[in-house]
Amino acid sequence: MQGKTLVLLAARLSALVAAMCVSCGAQAAQPVLAVAYAGSMGALMDKALGPAIEHSAHVRFEGRGAGAYGLAHLLADRQIQADVFVSITPGPIEVLQKAGLVGTAVPVASTQMVIAYSPKGPHAQAFREAAEGRRAWYELLEQPGLRFGRTDPTTDPQGRNIVFTMLLAQDYYKQPGLAAKILGDYQHNSSQIFAEPSLLSRLESGQIDASSGYLSAVISHKLPYIKLPAQVNLSDPAMSRDWYARVHFSITAPDGKPQTLSTQPLVFYAAVLDNAPHPKAAREFVELMRGPQGRKMFHDFGYSEPKGPDLRAP
């Protein structure tokens, strides 16, 4: 009797192992769609767009989120490979166009700059008052001891955009020197500068009191925030030429040369790379983002409608 039981158990185990192997083989047979994207898009990619393309195109989604300029340079130097690149602002797309890897990029969403804050931090009540317009938000950020977070302007558009936001704010509110008071050294301030994918996580955990943020990412993380006027938040293309374009600042580029930076619209662009291993699935992913299903996902995660024309290589 015991021998029959062992035989039955062995047979069941063998069938289970065979089923697992078939499942693993099927998964391994699925092509991997590699998408490199601006780090602030993590929640949207992981929870919505990634699962959707896996279902519709029968691929395995593999996302890589980081500062868009950093990713663009890695792709341009062939240090990493991807099927699709999704950037915020035209700058990183232009890096890939110059490298001959992107012909046209299409707008898929837009956003605006906000100041996010920790709901559990010691300054939460003061920030709530600022969000209601009862206090000046920039005066809070100037307080000694307040921990403010932002990203690296060398590698990440958001790191550049928070500097532009502060420079615009000092003009709009007539507060000379405001940007330097809050940010210190624009490019090198290790107490403030963090990798983009970890910035809002640090805010959620209470490691910092406030941070720069895109409205889309802050809503995706369900964090409280202070909305900024259009003259400061870089959201209105109509203000680009006569207002936003007035501010500039300089950094040292990765090649060691000085680089003067100018504002760019806060629009998200998607492009299929010319060396994409899976161009058909890559095109399907871009079309998903542009179609009704993708537009609803963008909206649900706090993104605004796309703005402006396609970006075409010269």
Protein backbone atom coordinates (compact mmCIF):
# COMPACT_ATOMS: atom_id res chain seq x y z
CA MET A 1 0.00 0.00 0.00
CA GLN A 2 2.80 2.30 0.95
CA GLY A 3 4.52 1.58 -2.36
CA LYS A 4 1.39 2.57 -4.33
CA THR A 5 1.14 5.81 -2.35
CA LEU A 6 4.74 6.65 -3.15
CA VAL A 7 4.15 5.93 -6.83
CA LEU A 8 1.09 8.22 -6.86
CA LEU A 9 2.99 10.99 -5.09
CA ALA A 10 5.89 10.65 -7.52
CA ALA A 11 3.51 10.83 -10.48
CA ARG A 12 1.81 13.95 -9.14
CA LEU A 13 5.16 15.59 -8.42
CA SER A 14 6.33 14.76 -11.93
CA ALA A 15 3.19 16.29 -13.43
CA LEU A 16 3.60 19.42 -11.31
CA VAL A 17 7.22 19.84 -12.34
CA ALA A 18 6.27 19.34 -15.99
CA ALA A 19 3.54 21.98 -15.73
CA MET A 20 5.95 24.42 -14.09
CA CYS A 21 8.49 23.81 -16.85
CA VAL A 22 5.88 24.46 -19.53
CA SER A 23 4.88 27.68 -17.75
CA CYS A 24 8.50 28.78 -17.36
CA GLY A 25 9.19 27.91 -20.99
CA ALA A 26 6.21 29.97 -22.15
CA GLN A 27 7.34 32.92 -20.07
CA ALA A 28 10.91 32.61 -21.32
CA ALA A 29 9.62 32.50 -24.91
CA GLN A 30 7.93 35.89 -24.51
CA PRO A 31 10.02 38.73 -25.91
CA VAL A 32 11.17 41.33 -23.38
CA LEU A 33 10.00 44.86 -24.13
CA ALA A 34 12.63 47.14 -22.60
CA VAL A 35 11.40 50.64 -21.79
CA ALA A 36 13.69 53.36 -20.43
CA TYR A 37 11.70 56.18 -18.87
CA ALA A 38 11.93 59.31 -16.74
CA GLY A 39 12.09 58.10 -13.15
CA SER A 40 9.05 60.09 -12.02
CA MET A 41 6.86 57.79 -14.16
CA GLY A 42 7.54 54.67 -12.08
CA ALA A 43 4.06 54.22 -10.58
CA LEU A 44 2.31 54.68 -13.93
CA MET A 45 4.67 52.27 -15.70
CA ASP A 46 4.68 49.54 -13.05
CA LYS A 47 0.99 49.61 -12.15
CA ALA A 48 -0.74 50.50 -15.41
CA LEU A 49 1.12 50.81 -18.72
CA GLY A 50 3.48 47.87 -18.13
CA PRO A 51 0.75 45.32 -17.28
CA ALA A 52 -1.41 46.64 -20.13
CA ILE A 53 1.22 46.10 -22.82
CA GLU A 54 2.05 42.66 -21.43
CA HIS A 55 -1.58 41.68 -21.88
CA SER A 56 -2.11 43.23 -25.31
CA ALA A 57 1.23 42.49 -27.00
CA HIS A 58 2.15 39.22 -25.19
CA VAL A 59 5.52 40.54 -24.07
CA ARG A 60 7.29 40.77 -20.75
CA PHE A 61 7.59 44.42 -19.74
CA GLU A 62 10.98 45.45 -18.36
CA GLY A 63 11.12 49.07 -17.23
CA ARG A 64 14.12 51.14 -16.23
CA GLY A 65 13.40 54.48 -14.57
CA ALA A 66 16.06 57.12 -13.87
CA GLY A 67 17.00 60.69 -14.72
CA ALA A 68 16.08 61.18 -18.38
CA TYR A 69 19.34 62.87 -19.37
CA GLY A 70 21.38 60.13 -17.70
CA LEU A 71 19.41 57.43 -19.50
CA ALA A 72 19.67 59.26 -22.81
CA HIS A 73 23.45 59.41 -22.58
CA LEU A 74 23.67 55.72 -21.64
CA LEU A 75 21.54 54.84 -24.65
CA ALA A 76 23.49 57.16 -26.95
CA ASP A 77 26.78 55.62 -25.82
CA ARG A 78 25.34 52.11 -26.37
CA GLN A 79 25.95 51.23 -22.72
CA ILE A 80 22.33 50.11 -22.39
CA GLN A 81 19.70 49.15 -24.96
CA ALA A 82 15.96 49.71 -24.98
CA ASP A 83 13.00 49.46 -27.32
CA VAL A 84 11.24 52.63 -26.17
CA PHE A 85 12.44 55.80 -24.48
CA VAL A 86 10.02 58.10 -22.64
CA SER A 87 11.41 61.48 -21.59
CA ILE A 88 10.19 64.65 -19.99
CA THR A 89 11.22 67.81 -21.90
CA PRO A 90 12.73 67.68 -25.39
CA GLY A 91 16.37 67.78 -24.21
CA PRO A 92 16.96 64.04 -23.63
CA ILE A 93 15.19 63.22 -26.92
CA GLU A 94 17.55 65.61 -28.70
CA VAL A 95 20.52 63.70 -27.24
CA LEU A 96 19.26 60.53 -28.95
CA GLN A 97 18.41 62.32 -32.18
CA LYS A 98 21.99 63.61 -32.39
CA ALA A 99 23.20 60.03 -31.78
CA GLY A 100 21.07 58.80 -34.69
CA LEU A 101 18.86 56.63 -32.49
CA VAL A 102 15.56 58.53 -32.71
CA GLY A 103 13.84 60.08 -35.69
CA THR A 104 10.54 61.32 -34.26
CA ALA A 105 9.24 61.50 -30.69
CA VAL A 106 5.57 62.12 -29.93
CA PRO A 107 4.02 63.97 -26.97
CA VAL A 108 2.06 61.64 -24.67
CA ALA A 109 1.34 63.77 -21.57
CA SER A 110 2.32 66.94 -19.70
CA THR A 111 2.69 68.10 -16.11
CA GLN A 112 3.74 71.02 -13.90
CA MET A 113 6.13 71.68 -11.03
CA VAL A 114 4.84 71.56 -7.45
CA ILE A 115 6.33 71.47 -3.97
CA ALA A 116 5.50 68.16 -2.28
CA TYR A 117 5.70 67.78 1.50
CA SER A 118 5.64 65.05 4.11
CA PRO A 119 2.24 64.71 5.81
CA LYS A 120 3.96 63.33 8.92
CA GLY A 121 6.88 65.74 9.19
CA PRO A 122 7.34 68.45 11.82
CA HIS A 123 6.46 71.15 9.29
CA ALA A 124 3.31 69.48 7.91
CA GLN A 125 0.88 71.98 9.42
CA ALA A 126 2.87 74.95 8.11
CA PHE A 127 2.92 73.41 4.63
CA ARG A 128 -0.83 72.82 4.78
CA GLU A 129 -1.28 76.51 5.56
CA ALA A 130 0.96 77.39 2.60
CA ALA A 131 -1.07 75.08 0.34
CA GLU A 132 -4.18 77.00 1.42
CA GLY A 133 -2.50 80.32 0.60
CA ARG A 134 -2.18 81.43 4.23
CA ARG A 135 1.62 81.40 4.27
CA ALA A 136 4.36 82.03 1.74
CA TRP A 137 5.68 78.62 0.63
CA TYR A 138 9.13 79.93 -0.22
CA GLU A 139 9.59 81.35 3.28
CA LEU A 140 9.03 77.88 4.71
CA LEU A 141 11.73 76.42 2.46
CA GLU A 142 14.19 79.07 3.67
CA GLN A 143 13.88 77.95 7.32
CA PRO A 144 17.11 76.61 8.87
CA GLY A 145 17.01 72.89 9.47
CA LEU A 146 14.24 72.14 6.98
CA ARG A 147 15.25 69.17 4.82
CA PHE A 148 14.51 69.81 1.14
CA GLY A 149 15.07 67.25 -1.61
CA ARG A 150 15.61 67.56 -5.35
CA THR A 151 17.36 65.70 -8.16
CA ASP A 152 20.62 66.19 -10.02
CA PRO A 153 20.47 68.89 -12.72
CA THR A 154 23.34 67.16 -14.52
CA THR A 155 21.35 64.02 -15.28
CA ASP A 156 17.68 64.79 -14.65
CA PRO A 157 15.29 67.34 -16.16
CA GLN A 158 13.43 67.69 -12.85
CA GLY A 159 16.70 68.71 -11.22
CA ARG A 160 16.94 71.52 -13.75
CA ASN A 161 13.28 72.45 -13.55
CA ILE A 162 13.28 73.05 -9.79
CA VAL A 163 16.14 75.52 -10.28
CA PHE A 164 14.15 77.28 -13.00
CA THR A 165 11.11 77.27 -10.71
CA MET A 166 13.06 79.00 -7.95
CA LEU A 167 14.59 81.52 -10.34
CA LEU A 168 11.14 82.35 -11.70
CA ALA A 169 9.76 82.56 -8.16
CA GLN A 170 12.35 85.09 -7.07
CA ASP A 171 11.30 87.33 -9.96
CA TYR A 172 7.56 86.71 -9.62
CA TYR A 173 7.50 87.31 -5.85
CA LYS A 174 10.23 89.99 -6.02
CA GLN A 175 12.52 88.09 -3.67
CA PRO A 176 16.14 88.62 -4.82
CA GLY A 177 18.42 85.69 -4.03
CA LEU A 178 15.54 83.33 -3.22
CA ALA A 179 16.89 80.48 -5.39
CA ALA A 180 20.30 80.47 -3.74
CA LYS A 181 18.80 80.70 -0.24
CA ILE A 182 16.71 77.59 -0.78
CA LEU A 183 18.94 75.50 -3.05
CA GLY A 184 22.47 76.56 -2.20
CA ASP A 185 24.83 75.40 -4.94
CA TYR A 186 22.55 74.53 -7.85
CA GLN A 187 24.64 71.60 -9.09
CA HIS A 188 26.56 70.38 -6.05
CA ASN A 189 24.55 70.16 -2.85
CA SER A 190 24.78 66.62 -1.50
CA SER A 191 22.38 67.35 1.36
CA GLN A 192 19.56 68.00 -1.16
CA ILE A 193 20.29 66.02 -4.31
CA PHE A 194 18.99 62.44 -4.62
CA ALA A 195 18.29 59.97 -7.43
CA GLU A 196 14.90 60.66 -8.99
CA PRO A 197 13.28 57.24 -8.37
CA SER A 198 14.04 57.53 -4.63
CA LEU A 199 13.12 61.18 -4.09
CA LEU A 200 9.42 60.84 -3.29
CA SER A 201 10.07 57.60 -1.39
CA ARG A 202 12.37 59.56 0.91
CA LEU A 203 9.58 62.09 1.37
CA GLU A 204 7.05 59.34 2.16
CA SER A 205 9.38 57.82 4.75
CA GLY A 206 10.05 61.17 6.44
CA GLN A 207 13.75 61.36 5.55
CA ILE A 208 13.10 64.81 4.09
CA ASP A 209 10.43 67.41 4.84
CA ALA A 210 9.68 68.69 1.33
CA SER A 211 10.83 68.15 -2.22
CA SER A 212 10.49 69.25 -5.79
CA GLY A 213 7.97 67.23 -7.75
CA TYR A 214 5.97 66.90 -10.89
CA LEU A 215 2.24 67.10 -10.19
CA SER A 216 1.78 63.78 -12.02
CA ALA A 217 4.26 61.90 -9.82
CA VAL A 218 3.08 63.50 -6.59
CA ILE A 219 -0.53 62.54 -7.31
CA SER A 220 0.59 59.02 -8.25
CA HIS A 221 2.26 58.72 -4.83
CA LYS A 222 -0.77 60.26 -3.10
CA LEU A 223 1.37 62.92 -1.41
CA PRO A 224 0.18 66.39 -0.35
CA TYR A 225 1.58 69.31 -2.30
CA ILE A 226 1.59 73.06 -2.81
CA LYS A 227 0.37 74.15 -6.22
CA LEU A 228 2.39 76.96 -7.78
CA PRO A 229 1.21 79.76 -10.07
CA ALA A 230 1.58 79.29 -13.82
CA GLN A 231 4.29 81.99 -13.85
CA VAL A 232 6.42 79.64 -11.74
CA ASN A 233 5.38 76.05 -12.50
CA LEU A 234 6.55 75.87 -16.16
CA SER A 235 3.21 74.45 -17.32
CA ASP A 236 2.03 77.07 -19.82
CA PRO A 237 3.72 77.00 -23.26
CA ALA A 238 2.21 80.43 -23.96
CA MET A 239 4.51 81.87 -21.28
CA SER A 240 7.66 80.22 -22.63
CA ARG A 241 9.00 82.95 -24.89
CA ASP A 242 8.19 86.08 -22.89
CA TRP A 243 8.50 84.79 -19.32
CA TYR A 244 10.01 81.33 -18.77
CA ALA A 245 12.80 81.98 -21.27
CA ARG A 246 14.11 84.85 -19.13
CA VAL A 247 15.82 82.50 -16.66
CA HIS A 248 19.02 80.53 -17.25
CA PHE A 249 21.74 78.92 -15.18
CA SER A 250 24.98 77.07 -15.87
CA ILE A 251 26.35 73.67 -14.90
CA THR A 252 29.42 71.64 -15.72
CA ALA A 253 28.39 69.00 -18.26
CA PRO A 254 29.53 65.35 -17.96
CA ASP A 255 32.30 66.09 -20.51
CA GLY A 256 33.68 68.79 -18.19
CA LYS A 257 32.56 71.72 -20.34
CA PRO A 258 30.36 74.55 -19.04
CA GLN A 259 26.75 74.37 -20.22
CA THR A 260 24.10 77.09 -20.00
CA LEU A 261 20.61 75.68 -19.48
CA SER A 262 17.29 77.15 -20.61
CA THR A 263 13.71 76.21 -19.80
CA GLN A 264 11.84 73.61 -21.84
CA PRO A 265 8.13 72.65 -21.78
CA LEU A 266 7.11 70.01 -19.22
CA VAL A 267 5.86 67.58 -21.83
CA PHE A 268 6.47 63.81 -21.86
CA TYR A 269 7.67 62.43 -25.21
CA ALA A 270 7.86 58.80 -26.33
CA ALA A 271 10.03 57.38 -29.09
CA VAL A 272 10.82 53.98 -30.58
CA LEU A 273 14.60 53.64 -30.78
CA ASP A 274 16.06 52.88 -34.20
CA ASN A 275 18.01 49.93 -32.76
CA ALA A 276 15.02 48.52 -30.83
CA PRO A 277 15.25 44.70 -30.61
CA HIS A 278 11.44 44.46 -30.78
CA PRO A 279 10.23 47.37 -32.95
CA LYS A 280 6.70 46.00 -33.49
CA ALA A 281 5.99 45.70 -29.75
CA ALA A 282 7.71 49.07 -29.22
CA ARG A 283 5.33 50.75 -31.69
CA GLU A 284 2.38 49.05 -29.98
CA PHE A 285 3.51 50.48 -26.65
CA VAL A 286 3.72 54.02 -28.02
CA GLU A 287 0.28 53.63 -29.60
CA LEU A 288 -1.06 52.34 -26.28
CA MET A 289 0.15 55.52 -24.58
CA ARG A 290 -1.49 57.68 -27.25
CA GLY A 291 -4.77 55.79 -27.43
CA PRO A 292 -7.90 56.02 -25.24
CA GLN A 293 -6.76 53.34 -22.79
CA GLY A 294 -3.37 54.94 -22.26
CA ARG A 295 -4.80 58.46 -22.02
CA LYS A 296 -7.13 57.29 -19.26
CA MET A 297 -4.19 55.73 -17.40
CA PHE A 298 -2.23 58.97 -17.65
CA HIS A 299 -5.24 60.90 -16.36
CA ASP A 300 -5.82 58.47 -13.47
CA PHE A 301 -2.21 58.90 -12.37
CA GLY A 302 -2.34 62.70 -12.35
CA TYR A 303 -0.93 63.57 -15.77
CA SER A 304 -2.33 66.31 -18.01
CA GLU A 305 -3.02 66.18 -21.73
CA PRO A 306 -0.07 66.18 -24.16
CA LYS A 307 0.89 69.55 -25.59
CA GLY A 308 2.71 70.76 -28.65
CA PRO A 309 3.96 69.12 -31.86
CA ASP A 310 6.05 66.01 -32.49
CA LEU A 311 9.82 66.32 -32.10
CA ARG A 312 11.47 65.54 -35.42
CA ALA A 313 15.18 65.07 -35.97
CA PRO A 314 16.72 67.87 -38.04
